[in-house]
């Protein structure tokens, strides 16, 4: 018997369910990702055995969060698909608010796929088509699907699609709380950047001043603004904003919450801070790092090429960035990614 979210717990399962809920709450106390994910998988098996879809979904959400935080793209995508199957099969047994919030993950899942060059574009579009059919069948708003299509179009070089889906999403955009709006704002700017860098900057500046937000969100938006300023040629303003990020906030929060390439691109004239950020990026600057780090590698190459002492390393990093960018161009059937990293970071 499936246990619905609003059912009273069966008397014979109360002790079991109490134990399962305690184990779920205990996941938040685990700092080691390997330990957390093993505990989540074991808990999921036990929750599935008594058919409690809402708790199954919540456990998988904890698993997904851990995988996403450690940049395990393929694993987090698999977990998203597991969650989606639960929503499709047991929608009536899940609190509507939780089901709707989970739908937001389609944006992350689509972006994750778009950052994997070995995944055919047709598969990504098929995922979005299936998500749209699911949303329409449930009578839910299409905003997350439209945003997902816009993100994919932007990452894959479909500029007309990026513009069209962005406009459609903006017309339907329903966000009402600071956290999702912060994420939505950044995605909006990323899409707009593909065809209008000034518009992307304008979008990021809409939340200024950022100090009303949680510090982690302030850091994200300030770093993004610094990057956007750099791309429109306002280098001194970009550096001032990036320096403020580095010196006015908790260093550990800056390291863990900022987009490092954004800061490095804006800190080119400040070697002390730039070198600190470059150190944070080291895992993404190796031959065996993910191909999706092509822009990180291009920004690092740009910085390294400025100095005779690091010029040779910069040339190698430039070659790595362009080689990885070419993998996406081959998948997308255009030269958009290569053209973009050269225009924004590697042009002479």
C-alpha atoms as a PDB file:
ATOM      1  CA  UNK A   1       0.000   0.000   0.000  1.00  0.00           C
ATOM      2  CA  UNK A   2       1.380   3.404  -0.995  1.00  0.00           C
ATOM      3  CA  UNK A   3       1.591   5.886   1.890  1.00  0.00           C
ATOM      4  CA  UNK A   4       0.365   9.314   0.814  1.00  0.00           C
ATOM      5  CA  UNK A   5       1.834  12.525   2.205  1.00  0.00           C
ATOM      6  CA  UNK A   6      -1.430  13.377   4.010  1.00  0.00           C
ATOM      7  CA  UNK A   7      -2.215   9.869   5.299  1.00  0.00           C
ATOM      8  CA  UNK A   8      -2.082   8.932   8.944  1.00  0.00           C
ATOM      9  CA  UNK A   9       0.729   6.475   9.430  1.00  0.00           C
ATOM     10  CA  UNK A  10      -0.398   2.866   9.681  1.00  0.00           C
ATOM     11  CA  UNK A  11      -0.255   1.779  13.322  1.00  0.00           C
ATOM     12  CA  UNK A  12       1.877  -1.259  12.547  1.00  0.00           C
ATOM     13  CA  UNK A  13       4.479   0.943  10.791  1.00  0.00           C
ATOM     14  CA  UNK A  14       4.732   3.840  13.212  1.00  0.00           C
ATOM     15  CA  UNK A  15       7.944   2.655  14.843  1.00  0.00           C
ATOM     16  CA  UNK A  16       9.483   1.852  11.459  1.00  0.00           C
ATOM     17  CA  UNK A  17       8.531   5.249  10.056  1.00  0.00           C
ATOM     18  CA  UNK A  18       9.836   7.070  13.124  1.00  0.00           C
ATOM     19  CA  UNK A  19      13.174   5.334  12.610  1.00  0.00           C
ATOM     20  CA  UNK A  20      13.237   6.163   8.895  1.00  0.00           C
ATOM     21  CA  UNK A  21      12.496   9.840   9.530  1.00  0.00           C
ATOM     22  CA  UNK A  22      15.233   9.991  12.166  1.00  0.00           C
ATOM     23  CA  UNK A  23      17.678   8.474   9.690  1.00  0.00           C
ATOM     24  CA  UNK A  24      16.602  11.026   7.084  1.00  0.00           C
ATOM     25  CA  UNK A  25      17.183  13.937   9.497  1.00  0.00           C
ATOM     26  CA  UNK A  26      20.557  12.454  10.418  1.00  0.00           C
ATOM     27  CA  UNK A  27      21.728  12.832   6.809  1.00  0.00           C
ATOM     28  CA  UNK A  28      22.171  16.554   7.451  1.00  0.00           C
ATOM     29  CA  UNK A  29      24.719  15.789  10.163  1.00  0.00           C
ATOM     30  CA  UNK A  30      27.047  13.889   7.801  1.00  0.00           C
ATOM     31  CA  UNK A  31      29.903  15.978   6.402  1.00  0.00           C
ATOM     32  CA  UNK A  32      31.631  13.270   4.388  1.00  0.00           C
ATOM     33  CA  UNK A  33      29.974  12.962   0.925  1.00  0.00           C
ATOM     34  CA  UNK A  34      30.801   9.265   0.566  1.00  0.00           C
ATOM     35  CA  UNK A  35      29.293   8.462   3.954  1.00  0.00           C
ATOM     36  CA  UNK A  36      26.221  10.615   3.300  1.00  0.00           C
ATOM     37  CA  UNK A  37      25.541   9.095  -0.092  1.00  0.00           C
ATOM     38  CA  UNK A  38      25.940   5.523   1.175  1.00  0.00           C
ATOM     39  CA  UNK A  39      23.565   6.269   4.048  1.00  0.00           C
ATOM     40  CA  UNK A  40      21.069   7.882   1.664  1.00  0.00           C
ATOM     41  CA  UNK A  41      21.091   4.886  -0.690  1.00  0.00           C
ATOM     42  CA  UNK A  42      20.576   2.458   2.197  1.00  0.00           C
ATOM     43  CA  UNK A  43      17.767   4.608   3.581  1.00  0.00           C
ATOM     44  CA  UNK A  44      16.131   4.888   0.166  1.00  0.00           C
ATOM     45  CA  UNK A  45      16.014   1.110  -0.144  1.00  0.00           C
ATOM     46  CA  UNK A  46      14.246   0.813   3.210  1.00  0.00           C
ATOM     47  CA  UNK A  47      11.781   3.638   2.472  1.00  0.00           C
ATOM     48  CA  UNK A  48      10.957   2.193  -0.950  1.00  0.00           C
ATOM     49  CA  UNK A  49      10.233  -1.161   0.677  1.00  0.00           C
ATOM     50  CA  UNK A  50       7.256   0.342   2.507  1.00  0.00           C
ATOM     51  CA  UNK A  51       6.242   2.534  -0.491  1.00  0.00           C
ATOM     52  CA  UNK A  52       6.404   6.033   0.982  1.00  0.00           C
ATOM     53  CA  UNK A  53       6.988   8.173  -2.166  1.00  0.00           C
ATOM     54  CA  UNK A  54       7.345  11.539  -0.452  1.00  0.00           C
ATOM     55  CA  UNK A  55      10.095  10.345   1.862  1.00  0.00           C
ATOM     56  CA  UNK A  56      11.707   8.486  -1.047  1.00  0.00           C
ATOM     57  CA  UNK A  57      11.824  11.780  -2.924  1.00  0.00           C
ATOM     58  CA  UNK A  58      13.244  13.668   0.042  1.00  0.00           C
ATOM     59  CA  UNK A  59      16.006  11.093   0.543  1.00  0.00           C
ATOM     60  CA  UNK A  60      16.947  11.252  -3.132  1.00  0.00           C
ATOM     61  CA  UNK A  61      17.000  15.048  -2.904  1.00  0.00           C
ATOM     62  CA  UNK A  62      19.666  14.780  -0.182  1.00  0.00           C
ATOM     63  CA  UNK A  63      21.615  12.365  -2.368  1.00  0.00           C
ATOM     64  CA  UNK A  64      21.278  14.665  -5.371  1.00  0.00           C
ATOM     65  CA  UNK A  65      22.452  17.685  -3.379  1.00  0.00           C
ATOM     66  CA  UNK A  66      25.609  15.886  -2.260  1.00  0.00           C
ATOM     67  CA  UNK A  67      26.385  14.687  -5.780  1.00  0.00           C
ATOM     68  CA  UNK A  68      25.789  18.132  -7.227  1.00  0.00           C
ATOM     69  CA  UNK A  69      27.985  19.828  -4.622  1.00  0.00           C
ATOM     70  CA  UNK A  70      30.912  17.574  -5.537  1.00  0.00           C
ATOM     71  CA  UNK A  71      30.384  18.174  -9.291  1.00  0.00           C
ATOM     72  CA  UNK A  72      29.384  14.566  -9.991  1.00  0.00           C
ATOM     73  CA  UNK A  73      27.328  15.533 -13.040  1.00  0.00           C
ATOM     74  CA  UNK A  74      26.505  12.086 -14.399  1.00  0.00           C
ATOM     75  CA  UNK A  75      25.581  10.725 -10.970  1.00  0.00           C
ATOM     76  CA  UNK A  76      23.406  13.713 -10.070  1.00  0.00           C
ATOM     77  CA  UNK A  77      21.649  13.422 -13.419  1.00  0.00           C
ATOM     78  CA  UNK A  78      20.858   9.770 -12.687  1.00  0.00           C
ATOM     79  CA  UNK A  79      19.438  10.744  -9.310  1.00  0.00           C
ATOM     80  CA  UNK A  80      17.328  13.466 -10.926  1.00  0.00           C
ATOM     81  CA  UNK A  81      15.860  10.871 -13.297  1.00  0.00           C
ATOM     82  CA  UNK A  82      15.044   8.617 -10.333  1.00  0.00           C
ATOM     83  CA  UNK A  83      13.261  11.500  -8.608  1.00  0.00           C
ATOM     84  CA  UNK A  84      11.380  12.335 -11.760  1.00  0.00           C
ATOM     85  CA  UNK A  85      10.134   8.752 -12.112  1.00  0.00           C
ATOM     86  CA  UNK A  86       8.744   8.920  -8.569  1.00  0.00           C
ATOM     87  CA  UNK A  87       6.927  12.181  -9.328  1.00  0.00           C
ATOM     88  CA  UNK A  88       5.417  10.741 -12.518  1.00  0.00           C
ATOM     89  CA  UNK A  89       4.314   7.506 -10.852  1.00  0.00           C
ATOM     90  CA  UNK A  90       3.174   8.867  -7.486  1.00  0.00           C
ATOM     91  CA  UNK A  91       2.285  12.531  -8.060  1.00  0.00           C
ATOM     92  CA  UNK A  92      -0.961  12.221  -6.073  1.00  0.00           C
ATOM     93  CA  UNK A  93       0.902  10.798  -3.068  1.00  0.00           C
ATOM     94  CA  UNK A  94       3.368  13.712  -2.839  1.00  0.00           C
ATOM     95  CA  UNK A  95       2.781  17.140  -1.350  1.00  0.00           C
ATOM     96  CA  UNK A  96       2.134  19.431  -4.365  1.00  0.00           C
ATOM     97  CA  UNK A  97       4.623  22.038  -3.159  1.00  0.00           C
ATOM     98  CA  UNK A  98       7.420  19.473  -2.960  1.00  0.00           C
ATOM     99  CA  UNK A  99       6.552  18.070  -6.392  1.00  0.00           C
ATOM    100  CA  UNK A 100       6.598  21.558  -7.919  1.00  0.00           C
ATOM    101  CA  UNK A 101       9.908  22.433  -6.268  1.00  0.00           C
ATOM    102  CA  UNK A 102      11.435  19.249  -7.626  1.00  0.00           C
ATOM    103  CA  UNK A 103      10.421  20.316 -11.126  1.00  0.00           C
ATOM    104  CA  UNK A 104      12.952  23.131 -10.834  1.00  0.00           C
ATOM    105  CA  UNK A 105      15.679  20.496 -11.064  1.00  0.00           C
ATOM    106  CA  UNK A 106      14.979  20.103 -14.791  1.00  0.00           C
ATOM    107  CA  UNK A 107      16.915  23.348 -15.269  1.00  0.00           C
ATOM    108  CA  UNK A 108      19.991  21.902 -13.560  1.00  0.00           C
ATOM    109  CA  UNK A 109      19.610  18.506 -15.262  1.00  0.00           C
ATOM    110  CA  UNK A 110      19.381  20.077 -18.722  1.00  0.00           C
ATOM    111  CA  UNK A 111      22.381  22.296 -18.033  1.00  0.00           C
ATOM    112  CA  UNK A 112      24.344  19.303 -16.755  1.00  0.00           C
ATOM    113  CA  UNK A 113      23.666  17.381 -19.953  1.00  0.00           C
ATOM    114  CA  UNK A 114      24.590  20.372 -22.096  1.00  0.00           C
ATOM    115  CA  UNK A 115      27.968  20.454 -20.314  1.00  0.00           C
ATOM    116  CA  UNK A 116      28.704  16.832 -21.288  1.00  0.00           C
ATOM    117  CA  UNK A 117      30.019  16.857 -24.880  1.00  0.00           C
ATOM    118  CA  UNK A 118      29.519  13.131 -25.372  1.00  0.00           C
ATOM    119  CA  UNK A 119      25.749  13.485 -24.842  1.00  0.00           C
ATOM    120  CA  UNK A 120      24.034  14.048 -28.225  1.00  0.00           C
ATOM    121  CA  UNK A 121      22.036  17.241 -28.550  1.00  0.00           C
ATOM    122  CA  UNK A 122      19.070  15.144 -29.650  1.00  0.00           C
ATOM    123  CA  UNK A 123      19.052  13.392 -26.244  1.00  0.00           C
ATOM    124  CA  UNK A 124      19.005  16.715 -24.410  1.00  0.00           C
ATOM    125  CA  UNK A 125      16.116  17.981 -26.527  1.00  0.00           C
ATOM    126  CA  UNK A 126      14.278  14.700 -25.954  1.00  0.00           C
ATOM    127  CA  UNK A 127      14.637  15.178 -22.174  1.00  0.00           C
ATOM    128  CA  UNK A 128      13.195  18.679 -22.451  1.00  0.00           C
ATOM    129  CA  UNK A 129      10.352  17.480 -24.679  1.00  0.00           C
ATOM    130  CA  UNK A 130       9.487  14.760 -22.149  1.00  0.00           C
ATOM    131  CA  UNK A 131       9.624  17.282 -19.298  1.00  0.00           C
ATOM    132  CA  UNK A 132       7.297  19.623 -21.168  1.00  0.00           C
ATOM    133  CA  UNK A 133       4.822  16.822 -21.849  1.00  0.00           C
ATOM    134  CA  UNK A 134       4.904  15.887 -18.164  1.00  0.00           C
ATOM    135  CA  UNK A 135       4.339  19.480 -17.045  1.00  0.00           C
ATOM    136  CA  UNK A 136       1.506  20.028 -19.508  1.00  0.00           C
ATOM    137  CA  UNK A 137      -0.165  16.778 -18.450  1.00  0.00           C
ATOM    138  CA  UNK A 138      -0.049  17.902 -14.811  1.00  0.00           C
ATOM    139  CA  UNK A 139      -1.392  21.353 -15.696  1.00  0.00           C
ATOM    140  CA  UNK A 140       1.667  23.035 -14.174  1.00  0.00           C
ATOM    141  CA  UNK A 141       3.357  26.257 -15.398  1.00  0.00           C
ATOM    142  CA  UNK A 142       5.936  25.885 -18.171  1.00  0.00           C
ATOM    143  CA  UNK A 143       8.407  28.389 -16.711  1.00  0.00           C
ATOM    144  CA  UNK A 144      11.069  25.857 -15.689  1.00  0.00           C
ATOM    145  CA  UNK A 145      10.924  24.096 -19.047  1.00  0.00           C
ATOM    146  CA  UNK A 146      11.227  27.410 -20.889  1.00  0.00           C
ATOM    147  CA  UNK A 147      14.204  28.410 -18.734  1.00  0.00           C
ATOM    148  CA  UNK A 148      15.784  24.998 -19.367  1.00  0.00           C
ATOM    149  CA  UNK A 149      15.349  25.378 -23.113  1.00  0.00           C
ATOM    150  CA  UNK A 150      16.874  28.841 -22.933  1.00  0.00           C
ATOM    151  CA  UNK A 151      19.896  27.616 -20.976  1.00  0.00           C
ATOM    152  CA  UNK A 152      20.486  24.727 -23.385  1.00  0.00           C
ATOM    153  CA  UNK A 153      20.092  27.001 -26.411  1.00  0.00           C
ATOM    154  CA  UNK A 154      22.574  29.457 -24.913  1.00  0.00           C
ATOM    155  CA  UNK A 155      25.154  26.792 -24.091  1.00  0.00           C
ATOM    156  CA  UNK A 156      24.843  25.131 -27.485  1.00  0.00           C
ATOM    157  CA  UNK A 157      24.939  28.234 -29.687  1.00  0.00           C
ATOM    158  CA  UNK A 158      21.312  28.517 -30.756  1.00  0.00           C
ATOM    159  CA  UNK A 159      21.151  32.297 -30.384  1.00  0.00           C
ATOM    160  CA  UNK A 160      17.663  32.728 -31.832  1.00  0.00           C
ATOM    161  CA  UNK A 161      16.392  29.997 -29.522  1.00  0.00           C
ATOM    162  CA  UNK A 162      18.148  31.558 -26.525  1.00  0.00           C
ATOM    163  CA  UNK A 163      16.497  34.899 -27.183  1.00  0.00           C
ATOM    164  CA  UNK A 164      13.047  33.410 -27.862  1.00  0.00           C
ATOM    165  CA  UNK A 165      12.974  31.065 -24.863  1.00  0.00           C
ATOM    166  CA  UNK A 166      14.320  33.785 -22.589  1.00  0.00           C
ATOM    167  CA  UNK A 167      11.534  36.140 -23.637  1.00  0.00           C
ATOM    168  CA  UNK A 168       8.914  33.431 -23.166  1.00  0.00           C
ATOM    169  CA  UNK A 169      10.321  32.505 -19.768  1.00  0.00           C
ATOM    170  CA  UNK A 170      10.465  36.148 -18.651  1.00  0.00           C
ATOM    171  CA  UNK A 171       6.797  36.503 -19.554  1.00  0.00           C
ATOM    172  CA  UNK A 172       5.943  33.514 -17.338  1.00  0.00           C
ATOM    173  CA  UNK A 173       8.620  33.994 -14.645  1.00  0.00           C
ATOM    174  CA  UNK A 174       6.959  33.285 -11.264  1.00  0.00           C
ATOM    175  CA  UNK A 175       9.798  33.400  -8.727  1.00  0.00           C
ATOM    176  CA  UNK A 176       8.897  35.086  -5.463  1.00  0.00           C
ATOM    177  CA  UNK A 177      11.644  34.203  -2.948  1.00  0.00           C
ATOM    178  CA  UNK A 178      15.247  35.495  -2.833  1.00  0.00           C
ATOM    179  CA  UNK A 179      16.989  32.141  -3.250  1.00  0.00           C
ATOM    180  CA  UNK A 180      15.379  30.938  -6.482  1.00  0.00           C
ATOM    181  CA  UNK A 181      15.327  34.498  -7.818  1.00  0.00           C
ATOM    182  CA  UNK A 182      19.087  34.749  -7.267  1.00  0.00           C
ATOM    183  CA  UNK A 183      19.657  31.587  -9.274  1.00  0.00           C
ATOM    184  CA  UNK A 184      17.153  32.681 -11.913  1.00  0.00           C
ATOM    185  CA  UNK A 185      18.851  36.066 -12.220  1.00  0.00           C
ATOM    186  CA  UNK A 186      22.193  34.450 -12.962  1.00  0.00           C
ATOM    187  CA  UNK A 187      20.685  32.057 -15.506  1.00  0.00           C
ATOM    188  CA  UNK A 188      18.885  34.972 -17.151  1.00  0.00           C
ATOM    189  CA  UNK A 189      22.203  36.810 -17.483  1.00  0.00           C
ATOM    190  CA  UNK A 190      23.966  33.727 -18.850  1.00  0.00           C
ATOM    191  CA  UNK A 191      21.348  33.370 -21.568  1.00  0.00           C
ATOM    192  CA  UNK A 192      21.381  37.080 -22.427  1.00  0.00           C
ATOM    193  CA  UNK A 193      25.185  37.112 -22.618  1.00  0.00           C
ATOM    194  CA  UNK A 194      25.058  34.955 -25.732  1.00  0.00           C
ATOM    195  CA  UNK A 195      23.640  37.839 -27.741  1.00  0.00           C
ATOM    196  CA  UNK A 196      23.970  41.045 -25.640  1.00  0.00           C
ATOM    197  CA  UNK A 197      26.724  41.532 -23.025  1.00  0.00           C
ATOM    198  CA  UNK A 198      25.328  44.907 -21.934  1.00  0.00           C
ATOM    199  CA  UNK A 199      21.930  43.343 -21.275  1.00  0.00           C
ATOM    200  CA  UNK A 200      23.585  40.589 -19.223  1.00  0.00           C
ATOM    201  CA  UNK A 201      25.225  43.241 -17.028  1.00  0.00           C
ATOM    202  CA  UNK A 202      21.947  45.122 -16.684  1.00  0.00           C
ATOM    203  CA  UNK A 203      20.233  41.930 -15.495  1.00  0.00           C
ATOM    204  CA  UNK A 204      22.862  41.232 -12.827  1.00  0.00           C
ATOM    205  CA  UNK A 205      22.639  44.808 -11.569  1.00  0.00           C
ATOM    206  CA  UNK A 206      18.871  44.626 -11.013  1.00  0.00           C
ATOM    207  CA  UNK A 207      19.367  43.271  -7.487  1.00  0.00           C
ATOM    208  CA  UNK A 208      21.806  45.981  -6.410  1.00  0.00           C
ATOM    209  CA  UNK A 209      22.598  46.658  -3.666  1.00  0.00           C
ATOM    210  CA  UNK A 210      23.166  43.017  -2.838  1.00  0.00           C
ATOM    211  CA  UNK A 211      23.660  43.429   0.910  1.00  0.00           C
ATOM    212  CA  UNK A 212      20.009  42.626   1.660  1.00  0.00           C
ATOM    213  CA  UNK A 213      20.671  39.022   0.578  1.00  0.00           C
ATOM    214  CA  UNK A 214      22.377  36.207   2.440  1.00  0.00           C
ATOM    215  CA  UNK A 215      26.139  36.629   2.246  1.00  0.00           C
ATOM    216  CA  UNK A 216      26.579  33.599   0.005  1.00  0.00           C
ATOM    217  CA  UNK A 217      24.147  35.063  -2.551  1.00  0.00           C
ATOM    218  CA  UNK A 218      25.778  38.482  -2.316  1.00  0.00           C
ATOM    219  CA  UNK A 219      29.124  36.852  -3.151  1.00  0.00           C
ATOM    220  CA  UNK A 220      27.653  35.013  -6.147  1.00  0.00           C
ATOM    221  CA  UNK A 221      26.076  38.140  -7.629  1.00  0.00           C
ATOM    222  CA  UNK A 222      29.020  40.449  -6.914  1.00  0.00           C
ATOM    223  CA  UNK A 223      31.404  38.014  -8.613  1.00  0.00           C
ATOM    224  CA  UNK A 224      29.029  37.706 -11.554  1.00  0.00           C
ATOM    225  CA  UNK A 225      28.784  41.491 -11.824  1.00  0.00           C
ATOM    226  CA  UNK A 226      32.587  41.812 -11.765  1.00  0.00           C
ATOM    227  CA  UNK A 227      32.815  39.343 -14.650  1.00  0.00           C
ATOM    228  CA  UNK A 228      30.061  41.106 -16.599  1.00  0.00           C
ATOM    229  CA  UNK A 229      31.823  44.451 -16.165  1.00  0.00           C
ATOM    230  CA  UNK A 230      35.056  42.930 -17.468  1.00  0.00           C
ATOM    231  CA  UNK A 231      33.328  41.572 -20.581  1.00  0.00           C
ATOM    232  CA  UNK A 232      31.955  44.995 -21.543  1.00  0.00           C
ATOM    233  CA  UNK A 233      35.389  46.591 -21.162  1.00  0.00           C
ATOM    234  CA  UNK A 234      34.905  48.314 -17.800  1.00  0.00           C
ATOM    235  CA  UNK A 235      38.063  46.784 -16.348  1.00  0.00           C
ATOM    236  CA  UNK A 236      38.648  49.184 -13.448  1.00  0.00           C
ATOM    237  CA  UNK A 237      35.093  48.804 -12.160  1.00  0.00           C
ATOM    238  CA  UNK A 238      35.339  45.040 -12.609  1.00  0.00           C
ATOM    239  CA  UNK A 239      38.498  44.907 -10.518  1.00  0.00           C
ATOM    240  CA  UNK A 240      36.994  47.064  -7.762  1.00  0.00           C
ATOM    241  CA  UNK A 241      33.985  44.778  -7.518  1.00  0.00           C
ATOM    242  CA  UNK A 242      36.124  41.626  -7.467  1.00  0.00           C
ATOM    243  CA  UNK A 243      38.455  43.085  -4.841  1.00  0.00           C
ATOM    244  CA  UNK A 244      35.407  43.871  -2.706  1.00  0.00           C
ATOM    245  CA  UNK A 245      34.296  40.250  -2.989  1.00  0.00           C
ATOM    246  CA  UNK A 246      37.710  38.994  -1.929  1.00  0.00           C
ATOM    247  CA  UNK A 247      38.285  41.396   0.964  1.00  0.00           C
ATOM    248  CA  UNK A 248      34.851  42.134   2.403  1.00  0.00           C
ATOM    249  CA  UNK A 249      33.490  38.605   2.819  1.00  0.00           C
ATOM    250  CA  UNK A 250      34.308  35.415   4.687  1.00  0.00           C
ATOM    251  CA  UNK A 251      37.265  33.940   2.731  1.00  0.00           C
ATOM    252  CA  UNK A 252      35.910  30.400   2.955  1.00  0.00           C
ATOM    253  CA  UNK A 253      32.516  31.503   1.654  1.00  0.00           C
ATOM    254  CA  UNK A 254      34.217  33.306  -1.233  1.00  0.00           C
ATOM    255  CA  UNK A 255      36.216  30.186  -2.058  1.00  0.00           C
ATOM    256  CA  UNK A 256      33.207  27.869  -1.940  1.00  0.00           C
ATOM    257  CA  UNK A 257      30.394  30.092  -3.231  1.00  0.00           C
ATOM    258  CA  UNK A 258      31.919  32.289  -5.935  1.00  0.00           C
ATOM    259  CA  UNK A 259      32.473  31.316  -9.550  1.00  0.00           C
ATOM    260  CA  UNK A 260      36.261  31.399  -9.663  1.00  0.00           C
ATOM    261  CA  UNK A 261      36.611  32.204 -13.337  1.00  0.00           C
ATOM    262  CA  UNK A 262      34.428  35.281 -12.818  1.00  0.00           C
ATOM    263  CA  UNK A 263      36.816  36.627 -10.187  1.00  0.00           C
ATOM    264  CA  UNK A 264      39.995  35.793 -12.083  1.00  0.00           C
ATOM    265  CA  UNK A 265      38.723  37.488 -15.260  1.00  0.00           C
ATOM    266  CA  UNK A 266      38.132  40.690 -13.257  1.00  0.00           C
ATOM    267  CA  UNK A 267      41.337  40.548 -11.173  1.00  0.00           C
ATOM    268  CA  UNK A 268      43.893  40.511 -14.003  1.00  0.00           C
ATOM    269  CA  UNK A 269      45.436  43.762 -12.741  1.00  0.00           C
ATOM    270  CA  UNK A 270      45.789  42.506  -9.168  1.00  0.00           C
ATOM    271  CA  UNK A 271      48.296  39.621  -9.218  1.00  0.00           C
ATOM    272  CA  UNK A 272      48.136  38.956  -5.475  1.00  0.00           C
ATOM    273  CA  UNK A 273      44.401  38.267  -5.432  1.00  0.00           C
ATOM    274  CA  UNK A 274      44.399  36.770  -8.927  1.00  0.00           C
ATOM    275  CA  UNK A 275      47.011  34.205  -7.949  1.00  0.00           C
ATOM    276  CA  UNK A 276      44.954  33.228  -4.909  1.00  0.00           C
ATOM    277  CA  UNK A 277      41.943  32.562  -7.145  1.00  0.00           C
ATOM    278  CA  UNK A 278      44.116  30.716  -9.655  1.00  0.00           C
ATOM    279  CA  UNK A 279      45.162  28.388  -6.856  1.00  0.00           C
ATOM    280  CA  UNK A 280      41.519  27.603  -6.110  1.00  0.00           C
ATOM    281  CA  UNK A 281      41.063  26.619  -9.773  1.00  0.00           C
ATOM    282  CA  UNK A 282      43.968  24.166  -9.943  1.00  0.00           C
ATOM    283  CA  UNK A 283      41.836  21.012 -10.153  1.00  0.00           C
ATOM    284  CA  UNK A 284      40.112  22.381 -13.272  1.00  0.00           C
ATOM    285  CA  UNK A 285      43.336  23.206 -15.106  1.00  0.00           C
ATOM    286  CA  UNK A 286      44.738  19.736 -15.739  1.00  0.00           C
ATOM    287  CA  UNK A 287      44.702  17.524 -18.796  1.00  0.00           C
ATOM    288  CA  UNK A 288      42.240  15.145 -17.151  1.00  0.00           C
ATOM    289  CA  UNK A 289      39.823  17.779 -15.848  1.00  0.00           C
ATOM    290  CA  UNK A 290      36.302  17.857 -17.254  1.00  0.00           C
ATOM    291  CA  UNK A 291      35.890  19.200 -20.769  1.00  0.00           C
ATOM    292  CA  UNK A 292      33.201  21.521 -19.420  1.00  0.00           C
ATOM    293  CA  UNK A 293      35.959  23.562 -17.741  1.00  0.00           C
ATOM    294  CA  UNK A 294      36.966  25.066 -21.091  1.00  0.00           C
ATOM    295  CA  UNK A 295      36.025  28.607 -20.017  1.00  0.00           C
ATOM    296  CA  UNK A 296      37.863  28.286 -16.705  1.00  0.00           C
ATOM    297  CA  UNK A 297      40.893  27.136 -18.684  1.00  0.00           C
ATOM    298  CA  UNK A 298      40.527  29.993 -21.188  1.00  0.00           C
ATOM    299  CA  UNK A 299      40.356  32.624 -18.424  1.00  0.00           C
ATOM    300  CA  UNK A 300      43.382  31.072 -16.729  1.00  0.00           C
ATOM    301  CA  UNK A 301      45.237  31.064 -20.053  1.00  0.00           C
ATOM    302  CA  UNK A 302      44.439  34.738 -20.576  1.00  0.00           C
ATOM    303  CA  UNK A 303      45.871  35.602 -17.173  1.00  0.00           C
ATOM    304  CA  UNK A 304      48.949  33.400 -17.494  1.00  0.00           C
ATOM    305  CA  UNK A 305      49.773  34.799 -20.940  1.00  0.00           C
ATOM    306  CA  UNK A 306      50.133  38.298 -19.459  1.00  0.00           C
ATOM    307  CA  UNK A 307      53.433  37.473 -17.764  1.00  0.00           C
ATOM    308  CA  UNK A 308      56.689  36.260 -19.391  1.00  0.00           C
ATOM    309  CA  UNK A 309      57.233  33.978 -16.401  1.00  0.00           C
ATOM    310  CA  UNK A 310      53.977  32.090 -17.011  1.00  0.00           C
ATOM    311  CA  UNK A 311      53.630  32.596 -20.752  1.00  0.00           C
ATOM    312  CA  UNK A 312      54.566  29.031 -21.674  1.00  0.00           C
ATOM    313  CA  UNK A 313      52.037  27.621 -19.226  1.00  0.00           C
ATOM    314  CA  UNK A 314      49.493  30.044 -20.634  1.00  0.00           C
ATOM    315  CA  UNK A 315      50.036  28.717 -24.151  1.00  0.00           C
ATOM    316  CA  UNK A 316      49.478  25.154 -22.945  1.00  0.00           C
ATOM    317  CA  UNK A 317      46.347  26.211 -21.089  1.00  0.00           C
ATOM    318  CA  UNK A 318      45.073  28.022 -24.188  1.00  0.00           C
ATOM    319  CA  UNK A 319      45.533  24.862 -26.232  1.00  0.00           C
ATOM    320  CA  UNK A 320      43.679  22.794 -23.618  1.00  0.00           C
ATOM    321  CA  UNK A 321      40.789  25.270 -23.484  1.00  0.00           C
ATOM    322  CA  UNK A 322      40.379  25.321 -27.262  1.00  0.00           C
ATOM    323  CA  UNK A 323      40.652  21.545 -27.507  1.00  0.00           C
ATOM    324  CA  UNK A 324      37.852  21.122 -24.988  1.00  0.00           C
ATOM    325  CA  UNK A 325      35.749  23.851 -26.597  1.00  0.00           C
ATOM    326  CA  UNK A 326      36.042  22.014 -29.915  1.00  0.00           C
ATOM    327  CA  UNK A 327      34.439  18.925 -28.350  1.00  0.00           C
ATOM    328  CA  UNK A 328      31.273  20.931 -27.700  1.00  0.00           C
ATOM    329  CA  UNK A 329      31.332  22.470 -31.164  1.00  0.00           C
ATOM    330  CA  UNK A 330      31.504  18.984 -32.677  1.00  0.00           C
ATOM    331  CA  UNK A 331      28.457  17.944 -30.651  1.00  0.00           C
ATOM    332  CA  UNK A 332      26.539  21.157 -31.359  1.00  0.00           C
ATOM    333  CA  UNK A 333      27.329  21.320 -35.074  1.00  0.00           C
ATOM    334  CA  UNK A 334      28.711  24.878 -34.989  1.00  0.00           C
ATOM    335  CA  UNK A 335      31.735  26.866 -33.771  1.00  0.00           C
ATOM    336  CA  UNK A 336      29.916  28.875 -31.111  1.00  0.00           C
ATOM    337  CA  UNK A 337      31.842  27.704 -28.038  1.00  0.00           C
ATOM    338  CA  UNK A 338      35.260  28.201 -29.613  1.00  0.00           C
ATOM    339  CA  UNK A 339      34.271  31.551 -31.090  1.00  0.00           C
ATOM    340  CA  UNK A 340      32.946  32.702 -27.708  1.00  0.00           C
ATOM    341  CA  UNK A 341      36.010  31.785 -25.635  1.00  0.00           C
ATOM    342  CA  UNK A 342      38.276  33.441 -28.211  1.00  0.00           C
ATOM    343  CA  UNK A 343      36.151  36.593 -28.340  1.00  0.00           C
ATOM    344  CA  UNK A 344      35.703  36.930 -24.584  1.00  0.00           C
ATOM    345  CA  UNK A 345      39.055  35.700 -23.292  1.00  0.00           C
ATOM    346  CA  UNK A 346      41.677  34.765 -25.861  1.00  0.00           C
ATOM    347  CA  UNK A 347      41.563  37.414 -28.596  1.00  0.00           C
ATOM    348  CA  UNK A 348      44.911  39.123 -29.112  1.00  0.00           C
END
